[in-house]
């Protein structure tokens, strides 16, 4: 079970990720990269939902629904790649002067956000043991 230091560290990294994405938008007055945050927040939902529906019974381990779990992972990966692609091309579409800086800040911030969400889910998974 993770301790308080782990929670504080992950929260700090998440705050830095959001700060980078917000600054990539606010510094050059282009607020389209904020839409990328939605893809990183929504990305873990298919993985969670498909994993939950693949094994609805906590007492019986069924391996018959591996396809549903793989589909959830595919959708999560698709959303993450879509977020990275959207953050890469947003500054170019809107013709921002410092497009490279905004793109790098948005990508790093998005990766920090998604990495923190995945880390939270890994640290707080229930142990399956007797």
Protein backbone atom coordinates (compact mmCIF):
# COMPACT_ATOMS: atom_id res chain seq x y z
CA UNK A 1 0.00 0.00 0.00
CA UNK A 2 1.49 3.36 -1.01
CA UNK A 3 2.28 5.90 1.62
CA UNK A 4 1.57 9.56 1.93
CA UNK A 5 4.86 10.49 0.24
CA UNK A 6 3.83 8.57 -2.88
CA UNK A 7 0.49 10.36 -3.04
CA UNK A 8 2.13 13.76 -2.58
CA UNK A 9 4.78 13.04 -5.23
CA UNK A 10 2.23 11.84 -7.79
CA UNK A 11 0.02 14.85 -7.09
CA UNK A 12 2.99 17.15 -7.59
CA UNK A 13 3.83 15.53 -10.95
CA UNK A 14 0.16 15.77 -12.01
CA UNK A 15 0.12 19.47 -11.10
CA UNK A 16 3.28 20.07 -13.15
CA UNK A 17 1.70 18.28 -16.13
CA UNK A 18 -1.43 20.42 -15.95
CA UNK A 19 0.72 23.54 -15.51
CA UNK A 20 2.72 22.76 -18.66
CA UNK A 21 -0.42 22.20 -20.74
CA UNK A 22 -2.06 25.36 -19.41
CA UNK A 23 1.10 27.41 -19.97
CA UNK A 24 1.45 26.09 -23.52
CA UNK A 25 -1.99 27.56 -24.12
CA UNK A 26 -1.89 30.73 -22.07
CA UNK A 27 1.57 32.06 -22.98
CA UNK A 28 0.66 32.40 -26.63
CA UNK A 29 -3.10 32.97 -26.16
CA UNK A 30 -4.04 29.78 -27.98
CA UNK A 31 -6.46 27.75 -25.90
CA UNK A 32 -6.98 24.80 -28.25
CA UNK A 33 -4.32 22.64 -26.56
CA UNK A 34 -6.52 22.55 -23.46
CA UNK A 35 -8.76 20.14 -25.39
CA UNK A 36 -5.87 17.66 -25.26
CA UNK A 37 -6.31 17.42 -21.49
CA UNK A 38 -9.75 15.87 -22.09
CA UNK A 39 -8.19 12.99 -24.03
CA UNK A 40 -5.73 12.27 -21.22
CA UNK A 41 -8.45 12.34 -18.60
CA UNK A 42 -10.79 10.13 -20.67
CA UNK A 43 -8.01 7.72 -21.79
CA UNK A 44 -8.01 5.35 -18.77
CA UNK A 45 -11.81 4.96 -18.77
CA UNK A 46 -12.02 2.30 -21.56
CA UNK A 47 -9.29 0.25 -19.88
CA UNK A 48 -11.06 0.42 -16.52
CA UNK A 49 -14.54 -0.28 -17.92
CA UNK A 50 -13.50 -3.20 -20.12
CA UNK A 51 -11.43 -4.70 -17.31
CA UNK A 52 -14.39 -4.41 -14.97
CA UNK A 53 -16.86 -5.95 -17.42
CA UNK A 54 -14.44 -8.71 -18.40
CA UNK A 55 -14.41 -10.00 -14.82
CA UNK A 56 -17.60 -8.85 -13.07
CA UNK A 57 -17.31 -11.47 -10.33
CA UNK A 58 -14.58 -10.79 -7.79
CA UNK A 59 -14.50 -14.39 -6.56
CA UNK A 60 -14.13 -16.27 -9.84
CA UNK A 61 -11.20 -15.65 -12.16
CA UNK A 62 -12.45 -16.06 -15.72
CA UNK A 63 -9.97 -15.95 -18.59
CA UNK A 64 -12.65 -16.23 -21.27
CA UNK A 65 -12.99 -12.51 -21.91
CA UNK A 66 -9.42 -11.58 -22.80
CA UNK A 67 -10.64 -9.94 -26.01
CA UNK A 68 -12.65 -7.36 -24.09
CA UNK A 69 -9.64 -6.47 -21.95
CA UNK A 70 -7.47 -6.13 -25.06
CA UNK A 71 -10.10 -3.90 -26.66
CA UNK A 72 -10.02 -1.62 -23.61
CA UNK A 73 -6.25 -1.39 -23.82
CA UNK A 74 -6.48 -0.63 -27.54
CA UNK A 75 -8.97 2.21 -26.94
CA UNK A 76 -6.78 3.63 -24.17
CA UNK A 77 -3.71 3.53 -26.40
CA UNK A 78 -5.65 5.14 -29.23
CA UNK A 79 -6.75 8.02 -27.00
CA UNK A 80 -3.21 8.58 -25.73
CA UNK A 81 -1.75 8.63 -29.24
CA UNK A 82 -4.58 10.90 -30.37
CA UNK A 83 -3.77 13.29 -27.51
CA UNK A 84 -0.10 13.39 -28.44
CA UNK A 85 -0.97 13.96 -32.09
CA UNK A 86 -3.44 16.70 -31.26
CA UNK A 87 -0.95 18.46 -29.00
CA UNK A 88 1.68 18.24 -31.71
CA UNK A 89 -0.41 19.75 -34.50
CA UNK A 90 -2.48 22.28 -32.52
CA UNK A 91 0.17 25.05 -32.59
CA UNK A 92 0.76 24.54 -36.31
CA UNK A 93 -2.92 24.67 -37.20
CA UNK A 94 -3.46 27.94 -35.36
CA UNK A 95 -0.16 29.47 -36.60
CA UNK A 96 1.40 30.28 -33.26
CA UNK A 97 4.76 32.05 -33.52
CA UNK A 98 6.53 29.77 -31.06
CA UNK A 99 4.88 26.57 -32.26
CA UNK A 100 7.75 24.28 -31.28
CA UNK A 101 7.86 25.49 -27.68
CA UNK A 102 4.09 25.19 -27.26
CA UNK A 103 4.14 21.74 -28.85
CA UNK A 104 6.93 20.47 -26.58
CA UNK A 105 5.30 21.88 -23.45
CA UNK A 106 1.94 20.37 -24.38
CA UNK A 107 3.38 16.92 -25.16
CA UNK A 108 5.50 16.75 -22.00
CA UNK A 109 2.57 17.97 -19.90
CA UNK A 110 0.22 15.43 -21.46
CA UNK A 111 2.64 12.58 -20.91
CA UNK A 112 3.08 13.62 -17.28
CA UNK A 113 -0.70 13.72 -16.82
CA UNK A 114 -1.29 10.30 -18.36
CA UNK A 115 1.73 8.76 -16.62
CA UNK A 116 0.46 10.01 -13.28
CA UNK A 117 -3.02 8.61 -13.89
CA UNK A 118 -1.53 5.22 -14.76
CA UNK A 119 0.75 5.36 -11.71
CA UNK A 120 -2.19 6.15 -9.44
CA UNK A 121 -4.10 3.18 -10.81
CA UNK A 122 -1.07 0.87 -10.40
CA UNK A 123 -0.37 1.94 -6.82
CA UNK A 124 -3.96 1.69 -5.67
CA UNK A 125 -4.94 -1.65 -7.19
CA UNK A 126 -6.36 -4.14 -4.77
CA UNK A 127 -4.19 -7.09 -3.92
CA UNK A 128 -5.74 -10.37 -5.03
CA UNK A 129 -4.62 -12.80 -2.38
CA UNK A 130 -5.99 -15.00 0.35
